[in-house]
Amino acid sequence: MTEIESLEAQKESLKVRVEMKGLVEKLMSNREFKKVVLDEFCTKEAARYVQASVNPILSPTQQADALGIAQATGHFRSWLQTQINLGNQAIKEIRDTDAEIEDLRAEEASDEQGAE
């Protein structure tokens, strides 16, 4: 595999990150998703579970489970943001990769002209 082919393959995997970024942004801008998942579950239910995690009526296992569920909402929000960040980084890397491919092609063209 040539260096250009390798860069083209790398670029295709970066495009997957950019696509995921777009999907996450679309999902997060959806009014129903915001209301049901982000507001109701990740905010209100998470707060309820945090309170349950220190409720002395619950067993230690139930308290731990409640805390785990509350933390899961934070992990989910973090995962969503990570997908956006990775997509933003991939956009920059695609630009850099395109520039590198262009440079390599220019070098190849120059080498071919020099060989004539």
N, C-alpha and C. Protein backbone atom coordinates (compact mmCIF):
# COMPACT_ATOMS: atom_id res chain seq x y z
N MET A 1 0.85 -1.17 0.00
CA MET A 1 0.00 0.00 0.00
C MET A 1 0.90 1.24 0.00
N THR A 2 0.59 2.16 -0.92
CA THR A 2 1.38 3.37 -1.00
C THR A 2 0.99 4.31 0.14
N GLU A 3 1.79 5.32 0.32
CA GLU A 3 1.51 6.31 1.36
C GLU A 3 0.20 7.04 1.09
N ILE A 4 -0.05 7.32 -0.17
CA ILE A 4 -1.31 8.00 -0.54
C ILE A 4 -2.50 7.09 -0.23
N GLU A 5 -2.39 5.82 -0.58
CA GLU A 5 -3.48 4.87 -0.29
C GLU A 5 -3.72 4.75 1.21
N SER A 6 -2.64 4.74 1.95
CA SER A 6 -2.75 4.67 3.41
C SER A 6 -3.47 5.90 3.96
N LEU A 7 -3.12 7.07 3.45
CA LEU A 7 -3.76 8.31 3.88
C LEU A 7 -5.23 8.34 3.47
N GLU A 8 -5.53 7.82 2.29
CA GLU A 8 -6.93 7.76 1.84
C GLU A 8 -7.74 6.84 2.76
N ALA A 9 -7.16 5.72 3.17
CA ALA A 9 -7.84 4.79 4.08
C ALA A 9 -8.06 5.45 5.44
N GLN A 10 -7.05 6.17 5.90
CA GLN A 10 -7.15 6.89 7.17
C GLN A 10 -8.27 7.92 7.10
N LYS A 11 -8.35 8.59 5.96
CA LYS A 11 -9.37 9.61 5.75
C LYS A 11 -10.77 9.00 5.82
N GLU A 12 -10.94 7.80 5.29
CA GLU A 12 -12.25 7.13 5.33
C GLU A 12 -12.66 6.83 6.78
N SER A 13 -11.72 6.42 7.61
CA SER A 13 -12.07 6.16 9.01
C SER A 13 -12.40 7.46 9.75
N LEU A 14 -11.75 8.54 9.36
CA LEU A 14 -12.06 9.84 9.95
C LEU A 14 -13.45 10.31 9.56
N LYS A 15 -13.85 9.99 8.35
CA LYS A 15 -15.19 10.36 7.88
C LYS A 15 -16.27 9.70 8.73
N VAL A 16 -15.99 8.51 9.24
CA VAL A 16 -16.94 7.82 10.11
C VAL A 16 -17.15 8.63 11.39
N ARG A 17 -16.07 9.18 11.94
CA ARG A 17 -16.17 10.03 13.13
C ARG A 17 -16.99 11.28 12.85
N VAL A 18 -16.77 11.87 11.68
CA VAL A 18 -17.50 13.08 11.31
C VAL A 18 -18.99 12.75 11.16
N GLU A 19 -19.27 11.60 10.57
CA GLU A 19 -20.67 11.19 10.42
C GLU A 19 -21.32 11.00 11.79
N MET A 20 -20.61 10.35 12.73
CA MET A 20 -21.14 10.15 14.08
C MET A 20 -21.39 11.48 14.76
N LYS A 21 -20.49 12.42 14.58
CA LYS A 21 -20.65 13.77 15.14
C LYS A 21 -21.96 14.38 14.65
N GLY A 22 -22.20 14.28 13.36
CA GLY A 22 -23.41 14.83 12.78
C GLY A 22 -24.66 14.16 13.34
N LEU A 23 -24.60 12.86 13.50
CA LEU A 23 -25.75 12.14 14.05
C LEU A 23 -26.02 12.54 15.49
N VAL A 24 -24.96 12.67 16.28
CA VAL A 24 -25.13 13.07 17.69
C VAL A 24 -25.68 14.49 17.77
N GLU A 25 -25.15 15.39 16.95
CA GLU A 25 -25.65 16.76 16.96
C GLU A 25 -27.12 16.82 16.54
N LYS A 26 -27.47 16.02 15.55
CA LYS A 26 -28.87 15.98 15.11
C LYS A 26 -29.75 15.44 16.23
N LEU A 27 -29.29 14.38 16.87
CA LEU A 27 -30.05 13.80 17.97
C LEU A 27 -30.22 14.80 19.11
N MET A 28 -29.14 15.48 19.47
CA MET A 28 -29.19 16.41 20.59
C MET A 28 -30.03 17.65 20.29
N SER A 29 -30.23 17.94 19.02
CA SER A 29 -31.06 19.09 18.67
C SER A 29 -32.54 18.70 18.54
N ASN A 30 -32.82 17.41 18.61
CA ASN A 30 -34.20 16.94 18.51
C ASN A 30 -34.95 17.29 19.80
N ARG A 31 -36.06 17.96 19.65
CA ARG A 31 -36.83 18.45 20.80
C ARG A 31 -37.28 17.31 21.72
N GLU A 32 -37.73 16.21 21.14
CA GLU A 32 -38.20 15.09 21.94
C GLU A 32 -37.05 14.43 22.71
N PHE A 33 -35.91 14.28 22.04
CA PHE A 33 -34.74 13.69 22.69
C PHE A 33 -34.30 14.55 23.88
N LYS A 34 -34.25 15.86 23.64
CA LYS A 34 -33.88 16.77 24.73
C LYS A 34 -34.80 16.61 25.92
N LYS A 35 -36.11 16.60 25.65
CA LYS A 35 -37.09 16.53 26.74
C LYS A 35 -37.03 15.19 27.47
N VAL A 36 -37.09 14.10 26.72
CA VAL A 36 -37.19 12.78 27.33
C VAL A 36 -35.86 12.32 27.93
N VAL A 37 -34.81 12.39 27.14
CA VAL A 37 -33.53 11.81 27.57
C VAL A 37 -32.69 12.79 28.38
N LEU A 38 -32.43 13.97 27.81
CA LEU A 38 -31.52 14.89 28.49
C LEU A 38 -32.17 15.55 29.72
N ASP A 39 -33.39 16.05 29.56
CA ASP A 39 -34.03 16.75 30.68
C ASP A 39 -34.62 15.79 31.71
N GLU A 40 -35.48 14.89 31.25
CA GLU A 40 -36.16 14.01 32.20
C GLU A 40 -35.23 12.96 32.81
N PHE A 41 -34.52 12.22 31.95
CA PHE A 41 -33.69 11.13 32.48
C PHE A 41 -32.36 11.63 33.03
N CYS A 42 -31.61 12.33 32.19
CA CYS A 42 -30.25 12.71 32.59
C CYS A 42 -30.21 13.79 33.66
N THR A 43 -31.29 14.54 33.83
CA THR A 43 -31.29 15.59 34.84
C THR A 43 -32.19 15.23 36.01
N LYS A 44 -33.48 15.10 35.75
CA LYS A 44 -34.42 14.88 36.86
C LYS A 44 -34.28 13.50 37.50
N GLU A 45 -34.24 12.47 36.68
CA GLU A 45 -34.10 11.11 37.23
C GLU A 45 -32.73 10.94 37.90
N ALA A 46 -31.70 11.53 37.29
CA ALA A 46 -30.36 11.42 37.88
C ALA A 46 -30.36 12.03 39.28
N ALA A 47 -31.01 13.17 39.44
CA ALA A 47 -31.08 13.82 40.76
C ALA A 47 -31.83 12.93 41.75
N ARG A 48 -32.89 12.31 41.27
CA ARG A 48 -33.66 11.42 42.14
C ARG A 48 -32.81 10.22 42.57
N TYR A 49 -32.05 9.68 41.64
CA TYR A 49 -31.18 8.54 41.97
C TYR A 49 -30.04 8.94 42.91
N VAL A 50 -29.51 10.14 42.75
CA VAL A 50 -28.46 10.61 43.66
C VAL A 50 -29.02 10.67 45.08
N GLN A 51 -30.21 11.22 45.22
CA GLN A 51 -30.84 11.28 46.54
C GLN A 51 -31.09 9.88 47.10
N ALA A 52 -31.53 8.98 46.24
CA ALA A 52 -31.78 7.60 46.68
C ALA A 52 -30.50 6.93 47.14
N SER A 53 -29.38 7.33 46.55
CA SER A 53 -28.10 6.67 46.88
C SER A 53 -27.66 6.93 48.32
N VAL A 54 -28.26 7.90 48.98
CA VAL A 54 -27.91 8.16 50.39
C VAL A 54 -29.11 7.92 51.32
N ASN A 55 -30.16 7.32 50.79
CA ASN A 55 -31.35 7.04 51.58
C ASN A 55 -31.07 5.88 52.53
N PRO A 56 -31.13 6.11 53.85
CA PRO A 56 -30.79 5.05 54.81
C PRO A 56 -31.80 3.89 54.83
N ILE A 57 -32.97 4.09 54.25
CA ILE A 57 -33.97 3.02 54.19
C ILE A 57 -33.54 1.95 53.18
N LEU A 58 -32.80 2.35 52.17
CA LEU A 58 -32.36 1.40 51.15
C LEU A 58 -31.16 0.61 51.62
N SER A 59 -31.04 -0.59 51.10
CA SER A 59 -29.87 -1.42 51.43
C SER A 59 -28.64 -0.84 50.75
N PRO A 60 -27.45 -1.20 51.23
CA PRO A 60 -26.23 -0.72 50.58
C PRO A 60 -26.19 -1.08 49.09
N THR A 61 -26.71 -2.23 48.72
CA THR A 61 -26.74 -2.61 47.31
C THR A 61 -27.67 -1.71 46.52
N GLN A 62 -28.83 -1.41 47.07
CA GLN A 62 -29.78 -0.51 46.41
C GLN A 62 -29.20 0.90 46.30
N GLN A 63 -28.51 1.35 47.35
CA GLN A 63 -27.88 2.67 47.30
C GLN A 63 -26.81 2.71 46.21
N ALA A 64 -26.01 1.66 46.14
CA ALA A 64 -24.95 1.59 45.12
C ALA A 64 -25.54 1.55 43.72
N ASP A 65 -26.62 0.80 43.56
CA ASP A 65 -27.28 0.74 42.26
C ASP A 65 -27.82 2.11 41.85
N ALA A 66 -28.44 2.80 42.80
CA ALA A 66 -28.98 4.13 42.52
C ALA A 66 -27.87 5.09 42.10
N LEU A 67 -26.75 5.04 42.81
CA LEU A 67 -25.63 5.91 42.45
C LEU A 67 -25.08 5.55 41.07
N GLY A 68 -25.00 4.27 40.79
CA GLY A 68 -24.52 3.82 39.48
C GLY A 68 -25.39 4.33 38.34
N ILE A 69 -26.71 4.27 38.54
CA ILE A 69 -27.63 4.77 37.52
C ILE A 69 -27.45 6.28 37.34
N ALA A 70 -27.34 7.00 38.45
CA ALA A 70 -27.13 8.45 38.37
C ALA A 70 -25.84 8.77 37.62
N GLN A 71 -24.78 8.03 37.92
CA GLN A 71 -23.50 8.26 37.26
C GLN A 71 -23.58 7.90 35.78
N ALA A 72 -24.38 6.90 35.45
CA ALA A 72 -24.50 6.49 34.04
C ALA A 72 -25.02 7.63 33.18
N THR A 73 -25.90 8.45 33.74
CA THR A 73 -26.40 9.58 32.95
C THR A 73 -25.27 10.56 32.64
N GLY A 74 -24.39 10.76 33.59
CA GLY A 74 -23.24 11.63 33.35
C GLY A 74 -22.29 11.04 32.33
N HIS A 75 -22.09 9.73 32.41
CA HIS A 75 -21.23 9.06 31.43
C HIS A 75 -21.83 9.16 30.03
N PHE A 76 -23.15 9.04 29.94
CA PHE A 76 -23.82 9.14 28.65
C PHE A 76 -23.63 10.54 28.05
N ARG A 77 -23.86 11.57 28.86
CA ARG A 77 -23.66 12.94 28.38
C ARG A 77 -22.21 13.16 27.95
N SER A 78 -21.29 12.62 28.72
CA SER A 78 -19.87 12.74 28.40
C SER A 78 -19.55 12.03 27.08
N TRP A 79 -20.15 10.86 26.88
CA TRP A 79 -19.94 10.11 25.65
C TRP A 79 -20.44 10.91 24.45
N LEU A 80 -21.62 11.51 24.58
CA LEU A 80 -22.16 12.33 23.49
C LEU A 80 -21.20 13.46 23.15
N GLN A 81 -20.71 14.15 24.17
CA GLN A 81 -19.78 15.27 23.94
C GLN A 81 -18.47 14.78 23.34
N THR A 82 -18.01 13.62 23.76
CA THR A 82 -16.79 13.04 23.21
C THR A 82 -16.94 12.76 21.73
N GLN A 83 -18.12 12.27 21.32
CA GLN A 83 -18.36 12.01 19.89
C GLN A 83 -18.28 13.29 19.08
N ILE A 84 -18.80 14.37 19.63
CA ILE A 84 -18.73 15.66 18.95
C ILE A 84 -17.28 16.14 18.87
N ASN A 85 -16.56 16.02 19.99
CA ASN A 85 -15.15 16.44 20.00
C ASN A 85 -14.32 15.62 19.02
N LEU A 86 -14.54 14.30 18.99
CA LEU A 86 -13.80 13.45 18.06
C LEU A 86 -14.12 13.81 16.62
N GLY A 87 -15.38 14.14 16.35
CA GLY A 87 -15.76 14.57 15.01
C GLY A 87 -15.10 15.87 14.62
N ASN A 88 -15.05 16.82 15.55
CA ASN A 88 -14.38 18.09 15.27
C ASN A 88 -12.90 17.87 14.99
N GLN A 89 -12.28 17.01 15.78
CA GLN A 89 -10.86 16.69 15.57
C GLN A 89 -10.67 16.00 14.22
N ALA A 90 -11.60 15.11 13.86
CA ALA A 90 -11.50 14.40 12.58
C ALA A 90 -11.61 15.36 11.41
N ILE A 91 -12.45 16.38 11.53
CA ILE A 91 -12.58 17.37 10.46
C ILE A 91 -11.23 18.04 10.21
N LYS A 92 -10.55 18.41 11.29
CA LYS A 92 -9.23 19.02 11.16
C LYS A 92 -8.23 18.04 10.56
N GLU A 93 -8.28 16.78 11.02
CA GLU A 93 -7.35 15.77 10.51
C GLU A 93 -7.60 15.47 9.04
N ILE A 94 -8.86 15.52 8.60
CA ILE A 94 -9.17 15.31 7.19
C ILE A 94 -8.55 16.43 6.36
N ARG A 95 -8.66 17.66 6.84
CA ARG A 95 -8.03 18.79 6.11
C ARG A 95 -6.52 18.59 6.00
N ASP A 96 -5.90 18.19 7.12
CA ASP A 96 -4.46 17.96 7.11
C ASP A 96 -4.09 16.80 6.18
N THR A 97 -4.90 15.75 6.21
CA THR A 97 -4.65 14.59 5.37
C THR A 97 -4.79 14.95 3.90
N ASP A 98 -5.82 15.73 3.58
CA ASP A 98 -6.00 16.18 2.19
C ASP A 98 -4.79 16.98 1.72
N ALA A 99 -4.29 17.85 2.58
CA ALA A 99 -3.12 18.65 2.22
C ALA A 99 -1.90 17.76 2.00
N GLU A 100 -1.75 16.76 2.86
CA GLU A 100 -0.62 15.85 2.73
C GLU A 100 -0.72 15.03 1.45
N ILE A 101 -1.92 14.57 1.13
CA ILE A 101 -2.13 13.81 -0.12
C ILE A 101 -1.82 14.70 -1.32
N GLU A 102 -2.27 15.93 -1.27
CA GLU A 102 -2.01 16.87 -2.36
C GLU A 102 -0.50 17.08 -2.54
N ASP A 103 0.21 17.22 -1.43
CA ASP A 103 1.67 17.40 -1.49
C ASP A 103 2.34 16.16 -2.10
N LEU A 104 1.91 14.99 -1.67
CA LEU A 104 2.50 13.75 -2.19
C LEU A 104 2.22 13.59 -3.68
N ARG A 105 1.03 13.94 -4.10
CA ARG A 105 0.70 13.85 -5.53
C ARG A 105 1.53 14.85 -6.33
N ALA A 106 1.73 16.02 -5.78
CA ALA A 106 2.56 17.03 -6.46
C ALA A 106 3.99 16.54 -6.58
N GLU A 107 4.49 15.90 -5.51
CA GLU A 107 5.85 15.33 -5.56
C GLU A 107 5.95 14.25 -6.63
N GLU A 108 4.93 13.38 -6.69
CA GLU A 108 4.94 12.32 -7.68
C GLU A 108 4.93 12.90 -9.10
N ALA A 109 4.11 13.92 -9.29
CA ALA A 109 4.04 14.56 -10.60
C ALA A 109 5.37 15.19 -10.96
N SER A 110 6.01 15.81 -9.98
CA SER A 110 7.31 16.44 -10.21
C SER A 110 8.37 15.40 -10.53
N ASP A 111 8.31 14.27 -9.79
CA ASP A 111 9.26 13.17 -10.05
C ASP A 111 9.06 12.58 -11.45
N GLU A 112 7.81 12.46 -11.86
CA GLU A 112 7.52 11.93 -13.20
C GLU A 112 8.02 12.88 -14.27
N GLN A 113 7.88 14.18 -14.07
CA GLN A 113 8.35 15.16 -15.05
C GLN A 113 9.86 15.16 -15.09
N GLY A 114 10.50 14.95 -13.95
CA GLY A 114 11.96 14.92 -13.91
C GLY A 114 12.52 13.69 -14.56
N ALA A 115 11.75 12.60 -14.57
CA ALA A 115 12.22 11.36 -15.15
C ALA A 115 12.11 11.38 -16.67
N GLU A 116 11.33 12.30 -17.21
CA GLU A 116 11.16 12.36 -18.67
C GLU A 116 12.31 12.96 -19.33
